[in-house]
Amino acid sequence: MSPFWIKTFQLLLCFALLIVLHEGGHFFFSKLFGIKVEKFFMFFDYKFHLFSTKDKWFARLFPRVANNETEYGIGWIPLGGYVKIAGMIDESLDTEQMQQPVQPDEFRAKPVWQRFFVMVGGVLVNFLLALFIYAMILYAWGRDTLPITSVTDGFAYNEMAEGMGFRDGDIPVKVDGEAIEVWDAGVFRLLSSAEVVTVLRDGSEVNITMPDGGVNLLDMIETDPRFIAVNVPAIVDSVMPGSPAAKAGMRSGARLLAVEDAALEWWGDFDQVMARKADVLAADCSHEDSVRLRSLPVVFCNEGATPDTALIVLDKDYHLGIVKTPYQLYYKDSYVHHDYGFWESIPAGIVYGWETLKGYVSDLRYIFSKKGAQSVGSFGTIGNLFPAAWDWAAFWNITAFISIILAVMNILPIPGLDGGHIFFLLIEGVTGRQPSDKFMERAQIVGMILLFALMALALFNDAMKFLF
């Protein structure tokens, strides 16, 4: 099976699981408080559906299920799901029902505290699910961490970092006096908000004062090369068949020694050279200049051979066609494995999930920046989070993270989302006055317009990434 279909299947499985459980949270509290639920659908069923317990063929086979007050089904638009709760203005905008006399089993007939739990149920399930998944991941697979002091060759820094005082080879060990224990993505977040970073340089600790107001996290991770990267020798992990590098005779295990007369020791050196070349290639130039700039003098040495020099013409995407040795492989013997018993995994999973939630909430502020808006993605972006080969540990880890994203996004006080309903319920609880049906209807419409606009932006960003 191709990587595309493996990623697609993982995405659909993840969405189906999270949608059913999220809507199940609303459903559970509705039933708990005796509120009628008319429909429970995975995916949206605008105009038609793929399956419903009210279908004639299903009703003939299972009449008791079909006669249940709740219609269960699967829609055809995989943008979410919903439960249609009687006596509530939701995405169905069923205003006719709201004009009828209030029935005791309707949402609007219940006290504020019960309606609050019905609306918060989906978010609560998403968050608890993430904590449970993280705990079970730790129980089943444990956790591998790379102590930052085990990165003995230090780190490479881009021009932005060097301008702040970092030097290639530095190992960040403290942020504002607090020790950095392991190397992971969280280090970027620590550095972005730090006032003083302590690094190990030639065996001594050196303090670097960071800019006032911190550093933009998106600038740190979206620049090429990144703000900080593990120093790894410029050894080729693999060469793509038919690539420019393969045609030049380069093989797996080869070491790059120089590119364009610039001596190489680390992959960071290579990235710096290629970044400068990319800047030149991005500028307007003639076809002849483009062909000339794509020609790359490379000195390399295959394992067990003498150094070789080749003039390699980069492909149309300006790539050599090589895969770098990842730092995870280079430092594989330095990782520390932690096993967790069942009871140990529960608090550890809660802590891990809570730290993930705090990090995600902290990063949300960037969505209002230009780069943040450009980074908003839809199915393509989310699908690419999953690995190209099936890996249950990776699948569950990504599913837990997406569950946290859904919990946070749904709790935002935006009309049309759970958070919007919760916000109005809190106002009602404080003032004792329930917003009018007309107000709620208009708020729902405004919220849906905002959500559709956000989805359009996400789809546009995905299309731009695909095309360019």
Protein backbone atom coordinates (compact mmCIF):
# COMPACT_ATOMS: atom_id res chain seq x y z
CA MET A 1 0.00 0.00 0.00
CA SER A 2 1.31 3.45 -0.92
CA PRO A 3 2.29 5.95 1.81
CA PHE A 4 -0.59 8.21 0.71
CA TRP A 5 -3.23 5.59 1.47
CA ILE A 6 -1.54 4.55 4.73
CA LYS A 7 -1.64 8.16 5.92
CA THR A 8 -5.22 8.59 4.67
CA PHE A 9 -6.43 5.50 6.50
CA GLN A 10 -4.74 6.60 9.72
CA LEU A 11 -6.30 10.07 9.40
CA LEU A 12 -9.82 8.66 8.86
CA LEU A 13 -9.43 6.17 11.72
CA CYS A 14 -8.21 8.93 14.04
CA PHE A 15 -11.03 11.30 13.05
CA ALA A 16 -13.70 8.61 13.36
CA LEU A 17 -12.51 7.62 16.84
CA LEU A 18 -12.24 11.17 18.14
CA ILE A 19 -15.52 12.35 16.63
CA VAL A 20 -17.54 9.42 17.99
CA LEU A 21 -16.06 9.80 21.47
CA HIS A 22 -16.42 13.60 21.47
CA GLU A 23 -20.07 13.43 20.46
CA GLY A 24 -20.44 10.51 22.85
CA GLY A 25 -19.57 12.91 25.68
CA HIS A 26 -22.54 15.13 24.75
CA PHE A 27 -24.70 12.04 24.30
CA PHE A 28 -23.77 10.57 27.70
CA PHE A 29 -24.69 13.66 29.71
CA SER A 30 -27.85 14.20 27.64
CA LYS A 31 -29.05 10.69 28.48
CA LEU A 32 -27.89 11.07 32.09
CA PHE A 33 -30.19 14.07 32.52
CA GLY A 34 -33.09 12.63 30.51
CA ILE A 35 -32.67 14.86 27.45
CA LYS A 36 -33.90 13.52 24.12
CA VAL A 37 -31.21 13.02 21.47
CA GLU A 38 -32.70 12.89 17.98
CA LYS A 39 -29.57 12.13 15.92
CA PHE A 40 -26.03 10.89 16.54
CA PHE A 41 -23.91 11.15 13.39
CA MET A 42 -20.27 10.58 12.59
CA PHE A 43 -19.44 13.08 9.82
CA PHE A 44 -22.01 15.54 8.47
CA ASP A 45 -24.96 14.35 6.40
CA TYR A 46 -25.92 17.40 4.35
CA LYS A 47 -28.67 16.34 1.89
CA PHE A 48 -27.87 12.63 2.23
CA HIS A 49 -25.97 10.08 4.33
CA LEU A 50 -24.00 6.87 3.86
CA PHE A 51 -25.78 4.96 6.59
CA SER A 52 -28.62 5.48 9.06
CA THR A 53 -30.54 3.26 11.45
CA LYS A 54 -33.69 4.80 9.94
CA ASP A 55 -32.91 3.39 6.49
CA LYS A 56 -35.65 1.08 5.26
CA TRP A 57 -33.35 -1.92 4.78
CA PHE A 58 -31.95 -1.50 8.30
CA ALA A 59 -35.42 -1.02 9.80
CA ARG A 60 -36.57 -4.31 8.28
CA LEU A 61 -33.58 -6.18 9.73
CA PHE A 62 -33.47 -4.45 13.13
CA PRO A 63 -36.87 -2.89 13.83
CA ARG A 64 -36.23 -2.35 17.56
CA VAL A 65 -33.09 -0.31 16.89
CA ALA A 66 -34.76 1.62 14.09
CA ASN A 67 -37.67 2.54 16.38
CA ASN A 68 -35.31 3.99 18.99
CA GLU A 69 -35.76 7.73 19.52
CA THR A 70 -32.16 8.37 18.41
CA GLU A 71 -31.11 7.99 14.77
CA TYR A 72 -27.53 6.76 14.46
CA GLY A 73 -25.68 7.25 11.18
CA ILE A 74 -22.62 8.09 9.10
CA GLY A 75 -22.53 11.19 6.92
CA TRP A 76 -20.41 11.84 3.86
CA ILE A 77 -18.61 15.07 4.83
CA PRO A 78 -15.65 14.21 7.13
CA LEU A 79 -15.45 17.63 8.78
CA GLY A 80 -16.74 16.50 12.15
CA GLY A 81 -19.89 15.00 13.59
CA TYR A 82 -22.84 15.98 15.73
CA VAL A 83 -25.60 14.98 18.08
CA LYS A 84 -28.94 16.71 17.50
CA ILE A 85 -30.28 17.44 20.96
CA ALA A 86 -33.98 18.27 21.27
CA GLY A 87 -34.73 21.85 22.26
CA MET A 88 -31.35 23.30 21.36
CA ILE A 89 -30.18 25.64 18.60
CA ASP A 90 -27.18 24.01 16.98
CA GLU A 91 -25.62 23.62 13.53
CA SER A 92 -28.88 22.15 12.19
CA LEU A 93 -30.57 25.56 12.80
CA ASP A 94 -33.86 23.77 13.43
CA THR A 95 -35.95 26.81 14.47
CA GLU A 96 -39.32 25.14 13.95
CA GLN A 97 -38.85 22.94 17.00
CA MET A 98 -37.94 25.98 19.09
CA GLN A 99 -41.31 27.58 18.25
CA GLN A 100 -43.19 24.69 19.83
CA PRO A 101 -44.11 24.51 23.55
CA VAL A 102 -41.21 23.44 25.78
CA GLN A 103 -41.17 19.71 26.52
CA PRO A 104 -39.73 18.28 29.76
CA ASP A 105 -37.19 16.12 27.88
CA GLU A 106 -35.72 19.04 25.93
CA PHE A 107 -32.37 20.73 26.48
CA ARG A 108 -33.95 24.15 27.09
CA ALA A 109 -36.14 22.72 29.87
CA LYS A 110 -33.19 21.66 32.01
CA PRO A 111 -31.37 23.75 34.64
CA VAL A 112 -28.21 25.62 33.68
CA TRP A 113 -25.83 23.24 35.46
CA GLN A 114 -27.17 20.21 33.56
CA ARG A 115 -26.96 22.04 30.21
CA PHE A 116 -23.40 23.03 31.12
CA PHE A 117 -22.34 19.41 31.58
CA VAL A 118 -24.03 18.42 28.32
CA MET A 119 -22.03 21.05 26.41
CA VAL A 120 -18.71 20.46 28.19
CA GLY A 121 -19.04 16.67 27.81
CA GLY A 122 -17.30 16.48 24.43
CA VAL A 123 -14.31 18.56 25.51
CA LEU A 124 -14.04 16.60 28.75
CA VAL A 125 -13.98 13.28 26.87
CA ASN A 126 -11.34 14.55 24.43
CA PHE A 127 -9.04 15.66 27.24
CA LEU A 128 -9.50 12.53 29.36
CA LEU A 129 -9.03 10.38 26.26
CA ALA A 130 -5.69 12.07 25.53
CA LEU A 131 -4.49 11.46 29.09
CA PHE A 132 -5.58 7.81 28.86
CA ILE A 133 -3.83 7.28 25.51
CA TYR A 134 -0.61 8.86 26.76
CA ALA A 135 -0.71 6.65 29.86
CA MET A 136 -1.25 3.50 27.77
CA ILE A 137 1.55 4.50 25.36
CA LEU A 138 3.94 4.73 28.31
CA TYR A 139 2.67 1.42 29.66
CA ALA A 140 2.94 -0.42 26.31
CA TRP A 141 6.09 1.11 24.82
CA GLY A 142 7.73 3.10 27.57
CA ARG A 143 9.54 6.30 26.71
CA ASP A 144 12.92 6.99 25.14
CA THR A 145 14.63 10.27 25.99
CA LEU A 146 17.91 11.79 24.89
CA PRO A 147 19.65 13.61 27.78
CA ILE A 148 20.77 16.94 26.41
CA THR A 149 24.23 16.51 27.88
CA SER A 150 24.57 13.26 25.90
CA VAL A 151 24.62 15.30 22.68
CA THR A 152 28.40 15.34 22.94
CA ASP A 153 29.00 16.98 19.55
CA GLY A 154 26.84 19.91 20.55
CA PHE A 155 24.36 21.81 18.42
CA ALA A 156 24.40 23.88 15.25
CA TYR A 157 22.83 27.36 15.22
CA ASN A 158 21.55 29.53 12.39
CA GLU A 159 22.44 33.19 11.78
CA MET A 160 19.60 34.43 14.00
CA ALA A 161 20.91 32.39 16.96
CA GLU A 162 24.52 33.38 16.30
CA GLY A 163 23.44 37.03 16.38
CA MET A 164 22.20 36.44 19.94
CA GLY A 165 25.51 34.96 21.05
CA PHE A 166 25.16 31.21 20.41
CA ARG A 167 28.08 29.39 18.81
CA ASP A 168 28.17 26.07 16.97
CA GLY A 169 28.98 23.33 19.45
CA ASP A 170 27.19 25.00 22.37
CA ILE A 171 24.98 22.73 24.49
CA PRO A 172 22.06 24.55 26.20
CA VAL A 173 21.81 23.22 29.74
CA LYS A 174 19.76 25.83 31.64
CA VAL A 175 16.97 28.31 30.97
CA ASP A 176 16.65 31.07 33.57
CA GLY A 177 18.52 28.87 36.03
CA GLU A 178 16.31 25.80 35.48
CA ALA A 179 18.06 22.71 34.08
CA ILE A 180 17.15 21.41 30.62
CA GLU A 181 17.01 17.66 31.08
CA VAL A 182 16.34 16.21 27.62
CA TRP A 183 16.48 17.24 23.97
CA ASP A 184 13.05 17.37 22.36
CA ALA A 185 10.75 19.86 20.65
CA GLY A 186 10.03 21.50 23.99
CA VAL A 187 13.52 23.02 23.99
CA PHE A 188 12.43 25.44 21.24
CA ARG A 189 9.59 26.65 23.44
CA LEU A 190 11.92 27.06 26.44
CA LEU A 191 14.44 29.06 24.42
CA SER A 192 11.76 31.26 22.83
CA SER A 193 10.58 32.58 26.20
CA ALA A 194 13.90 32.56 28.06
CA GLU A 195 15.62 35.62 29.51
CA VAL A 196 18.99 33.93 30.08
CA VAL A 197 20.21 30.69 28.49
CA THR A 198 23.20 28.89 29.98
CA VAL A 199 25.26 26.82 27.52
CA LEU A 200 28.22 24.50 27.86
CA ARG A 201 31.03 25.87 25.68
CA ASP A 202 34.41 24.14 25.71
CA GLY A 203 33.57 22.61 29.09
CA SER A 204 32.58 25.89 30.76
CA GLU A 205 29.18 27.43 31.40
CA VAL A 206 28.42 30.63 29.48
CA ASN A 207 25.32 32.78 29.98
CA ILE A 208 23.58 34.25 26.94
CA THR A 209 21.10 37.09 27.46
CA MET A 210 18.10 36.66 25.16
CA PRO A 211 16.25 39.56 23.48
CA ASP A 212 13.64 41.42 25.49
CA GLY A 213 10.20 39.95 24.85
CA GLY A 214 11.63 36.59 23.78
CA VAL A 215 11.96 35.10 20.30
CA ASN A 216 9.11 34.27 17.93
CA LEU A 217 8.71 30.48 18.07
CA LEU A 218 7.57 30.24 14.46
CA ASP A 219 10.69 32.09 13.31
CA MET A 220 12.78 29.58 15.25
CA ILE A 221 11.28 26.45 13.72
CA GLU A 222 10.29 27.59 10.22
CA THR A 223 13.62 29.06 9.11
CA ASP A 224 15.95 26.80 7.14
CA PRO A 225 18.22 25.91 8.83
CA ARG A 226 16.38 26.03 12.15
CA PHE A 227 17.40 28.11 15.15
CA ILE A 228 19.03 25.06 16.78
CA ALA A 229 19.76 21.56 15.48
CA VAL A 230 21.75 18.59 16.71
CA ASN A 231 25.23 18.44 15.23
CA VAL A 232 25.47 15.27 13.13
CA PRO A 233 28.45 14.44 10.87
CA ALA A 234 27.63 14.87 7.17
CA ILE A 235 27.21 11.14 6.58
CA VAL A 236 24.62 10.02 4.02
CA ASP A 237 22.03 7.61 5.38
CA SER A 238 20.70 6.61 1.95
CA VAL A 239 20.72 7.72 -1.69
CA MET A 240 17.52 7.80 -3.73
CA PRO A 241 17.70 5.65 -6.88
CA GLY A 242 18.13 7.69 -10.06
CA SER A 243 18.84 10.89 -8.11
CA PRO A 244 21.64 13.33 -9.02
CA ALA A 245 23.73 11.97 -6.12
CA ALA A 246 23.24 8.38 -7.29
CA LYS A 247 24.28 9.27 -10.83
CA ALA A 248 27.46 10.83 -9.42
CA GLY A 249 28.33 7.52 -7.71
CA MET A 250 27.44 8.49 -4.16
CA ARG A 251 26.35 5.56 -1.97
CA SER A 252 24.82 5.00 1.45
CA GLY A 253 27.38 5.74 4.15
CA ALA A 254 29.23 8.31 2.04
CA ARG A 255 30.61 11.34 3.86
CA LEU A 256 30.34 14.80 2.32
CA LEU A 257 33.64 16.65 2.65
CA ALA A 258 33.00 19.88 0.77
CA VAL A 259 30.31 21.68 -1.24
CA GLU A 260 31.14 24.65 -3.45
CA ASP A 261 34.63 24.86 -1.93
CA ALA A 262 33.13 25.10 1.58
CA ALA A 263 34.51 22.39 3.87
CA LEU A 264 31.82 20.33 5.63
CA GLU A 265 31.93 18.64 9.00
CA TRP A 266 28.29 18.65 10.05
CA TRP A 267 24.95 18.56 8.29
CA GLY A 268 24.44 22.06 9.67
CA ASP A 269 27.32 23.25 7.47
CA PHE A 270 25.63 21.67 4.45
CA ASP A 271 22.28 23.30 5.35
CA GLN A 272 23.92 26.73 5.57
CA VAL A 273 25.39 26.36 2.06
CA MET A 274 22.13 25.09 0.58
CA ALA A 275 20.12 27.86 2.31
CA ARG A 276 22.32 30.51 0.70
CA LYS A 277 21.95 28.81 -2.67
CA ALA A 278 18.17 28.66 -2.23
CA ASP A 279 18.09 32.42 -1.57
CA VAL A 280 19.98 33.06 -4.82
CA LEU A 281 17.80 30.64 -6.78
CA ALA A 282 14.66 32.28 -5.41
CA ALA A 283 15.72 35.61 -6.94
CA ASP A 284 14.78 36.42 -10.52
CA CYS A 285 17.41 35.02 -12.85
CA SER A 286 17.65 33.82 -16.43
CA HIS A 287 17.33 30.17 -17.46
CA GLU A 288 21.06 30.04 -18.10
CA ASP A 289 21.81 31.40 -14.62
CA SER A 290 19.40 28.89 -13.09
CA VAL A 291 21.10 25.96 -14.83
CA ARG A 292 24.51 27.25 -13.73
CA LEU A 293 23.41 27.70 -10.14
CA ARG A 294 21.96 24.18 -10.04
CA SER A 295 25.43 22.79 -10.74
CA LEU A 296 26.97 21.89 -7.40
CA PRO A 297 30.65 20.89 -6.97
CA VAL A 298 30.69 18.18 -4.28
CA VAL A 299 33.60 16.35 -2.67
CA PHE A 300 32.52 13.08 -1.05
CA CYS A 301 34.03 9.83 0.12
CA ASN A 302 32.22 6.51 -0.06
CA GLU A 303 32.96 4.00 2.69
CA GLY A 304 36.28 2.28 2.10
CA ALA A 305 37.10 4.48 -0.91
CA THR A 306 39.20 7.55 -1.65
CA PRO A 307 37.64 11.02 -1.90
CA ASP A 308 35.88 11.80 -5.17
CA THR A 309 34.89 15.12 -6.74
CA ALA A 310 31.79 15.50 -8.89
CA LEU A 311 29.82 18.35 -10.47
CA ILE A 312 26.28 17.37 -9.53
CA VAL A 313 23.29 19.05 -11.20
CA LEU A 314 20.48 19.37 -8.68
CA ASP A 315 17.00 18.11 -9.63
CA LYS A 316 14.08 20.42 -10.47
CA ASP A 317 13.40 20.89 -6.75
CA TYR A 318 17.09 21.75 -6.17
CA HIS A 319 17.79 18.56 -4.21
CA LEU A 320 20.73 16.15 -4.31
CA GLY A 321 18.52 13.15 -3.68
CA ILE A 322 20.09 12.05 -0.41
CA VAL A 323 18.72 11.28 3.05
CA LYS A 324 20.77 12.62 5.94
CA THR A 325 21.70 10.46 8.88
CA PRO A 326 19.15 11.51 11.54
CA TYR A 327 20.36 12.44 14.98
CA GLN A 328 18.14 9.71 16.45
CA LEU A 329 20.24 7.10 14.61
CA TYR A 330 23.56 8.82 15.29
CA TYR A 331 22.83 8.98 19.05
CA LYS A 332 20.85 5.75 19.29
CA ASP A 333 23.14 4.38 21.99
CA SER A 334 22.73 7.54 24.10
CA TYR A 335 18.96 7.28 24.51
CA VAL A 336 17.62 6.34 27.93
CA HIS A 337 14.65 3.99 27.95
CA HIS A 338 12.04 4.30 30.72
CA ASP A 339 9.60 1.44 31.37
CA TYR A 340 6.36 2.06 33.26
CA GLY A 341 4.19 -0.36 35.18
CA PHE A 342 0.43 -0.03 34.78
CA TRP A 343 -0.10 2.07 37.90
CA GLU A 344 3.04 4.14 37.22
CA SER A 345 1.87 4.93 33.69
CA ILE A 346 -1.32 6.69 34.84
CA PRO A 347 0.24 9.63 36.73
CA ALA A 348 3.08 9.78 34.19
CA GLY A 349 0.54 9.94 31.34
CA ILE A 350 -1.39 12.68 33.14
CA VAL A 351 1.78 14.75 33.61
CA TYR A 352 2.82 14.23 29.98
CA GLY A 353 -0.65 15.13 28.70
CA TRP A 354 -0.86 18.22 30.92
CA GLU A 355 2.53 19.46 29.71
CA THR A 356 1.43 18.88 26.11
CA LEU A 357 -1.77 20.85 26.74
CA LYS A 358 0.13 23.76 28.33
CA GLY A 359 2.55 23.87 25.41
CA TYR A 360 -0.22 23.86 22.83
CA VAL A 361 -2.19 26.59 24.62
CA SER A 362 0.99 28.67 24.87
CA ASP A 363 1.58 28.32 21.12
CA LEU A 364 -1.97 29.39 20.19
CA ARG A 365 -0.99 33.06 20.34
CA TYR A 366 1.01 32.61 17.15
CA ILE A 367 -2.10 31.79 15.13
CA PHE A 368 -2.94 35.52 15.07
CA SER A 369 0.36 36.39 13.38
CA LYS A 370 0.93 36.33 9.61
CA LYS A 371 3.13 33.25 9.79
CA GLY A 372 0.70 31.60 12.19
CA ALA A 373 -2.19 32.12 9.78
CA GLN A 374 -0.10 30.67 6.97
CA SER A 375 0.66 27.58 9.07
CA VAL A 376 -3.03 26.73 9.64
CA GLY A 377 -3.70 23.49 7.78
CA SER A 378 -6.50 21.04 7.10
CA PHE A 379 -6.50 17.40 6.04
CA GLY A 380 -3.18 17.53 4.19
CA THR A 381 -1.33 19.10 7.09
CA ILE A 382 -2.89 16.81 9.69
CA GLY A 383 -2.48 13.72 7.48
CA ASN A 384 1.22 14.42 7.08
CA LEU A 385 1.63 14.17 10.84
CA PHE A 386 1.17 10.42 10.50
CA PRO A 387 4.09 8.22 9.40
CA ALA A 388 4.22 6.73 5.89
CA ALA A 389 4.58 3.23 7.38
CA TRP A 390 2.12 1.89 9.91
CA ASP A 391 3.33 2.42 13.46
CA TRP A 392 0.85 1.94 16.30
CA ALA A 393 2.92 3.90 18.82
CA ALA A 394 3.13 6.89 16.45
CA PHE A 395 -0.57 6.58 15.54
CA TRP A 396 -1.74 6.69 19.15
CA ASN A 397 0.68 9.49 20.04
CA ILE A 398 -0.61 11.67 17.20
CA THR A 399 -4.22 10.74 17.98
CA ALA A 400 -3.75 11.85 21.59
CA PHE A 401 -2.26 15.16 20.44
CA ILE A 402 -5.11 15.79 17.98
CA SER A 403 -7.56 14.97 20.78
CA ILE A 404 -5.97 17.75 22.85
CA ILE A 405 -6.21 20.11 19.86
CA LEU A 406 -9.93 19.30 19.49
CA ALA A 407 -10.50 19.87 23.21
CA VAL A 408 -8.78 23.27 23.14
CA MET A 409 -10.38 24.44 19.90
CA ASN A 410 -13.86 23.38 21.01
CA ILE A 411 -13.62 25.16 24.36
CA LEU A 412 -12.86 28.52 22.71
CA PRO A 413 -15.79 30.93 23.31
CA ILE A 414 -16.74 31.08 19.62
CA PRO A 415 -20.43 30.81 18.67
CA GLY A 416 -21.04 27.51 16.92
CA LEU A 417 -18.46 25.67 19.03
CA ASP A 418 -19.07 24.03 22.40
CA GLY A 419 -17.19 26.90 24.02
CA GLY A 420 -19.66 29.40 22.60
CA HIS A 421 -22.60 27.55 24.16
CA ILE A 422 -20.70 27.22 27.45
CA PHE A 423 -19.94 30.96 27.42
CA PHE A 424 -23.61 31.86 27.04
CA LEU A 425 -24.55 29.34 29.74
CA LEU A 426 -22.09 30.94 32.15
CA ILE A 427 -23.62 34.35 31.43
CA GLU A 428 -27.07 32.90 32.05
CA GLY A 429 -25.87 31.34 35.30
CA VAL A 430 -24.54 34.69 36.53
CA THR A 431 -27.38 36.95 35.31
CA GLY A 432 -30.26 34.50 35.59
CA ARG A 433 -31.39 35.53 32.10
CA GLN A 434 -31.41 33.12 29.14
CA PRO A 435 -30.46 34.61 25.73
CA SER A 436 -33.37 34.71 23.28
CA ASP A 437 -33.74 32.04 20.58
CA LYS A 438 -33.28 34.71 17.90
CA PHE A 439 -29.99 35.83 19.47
CA MET A 440 -28.73 32.25 19.72
CA GLU A 441 -29.73 31.59 16.11
CA ARG A 442 -27.81 34.63 14.87
CA ALA A 443 -24.81 33.78 17.06
CA GLN A 444 -24.81 30.25 15.61
CA ILE A 445 -24.81 31.62 12.06
CA VAL A 446 -21.95 34.03 12.82
CA GLY A 447 -19.96 31.21 14.41
CA MET A 448 -20.52 28.90 11.44
CA ILE A 449 -19.36 31.64 9.05
CA LEU A 450 -16.17 32.07 11.10
CA LEU A 451 -15.57 28.32 11.15
CA PHE A 452 -16.12 27.99 7.39
CA ALA A 453 -13.72 30.90 6.83
CA LEU A 454 -11.09 29.17 8.99
CA MET A 455 -11.60 25.92 7.09
CA ALA A 456 -11.27 27.79 3.77
CA LEU A 457 -7.99 29.29 4.99
CA ALA A 458 -6.73 25.85 6.05
CA LEU A 459 -7.66 24.31 2.68
CA PHE A 460 -6.02 27.21 0.83
CA ASN A 461 -2.80 26.79 2.82
CA ASP A 462 -2.77 23.06 2.08
CA ALA A 463 -3.30 23.74 -1.63
CA MET A 464 -0.45 26.26 -1.71
CA LYS A 465 1.88 23.76 -0.01
CA PHE A 466 0.88 21.08 -2.52
CA LEU A 467 1.27 23.32 -5.58
CA PHE A 468 4.39 25.17 -4.53
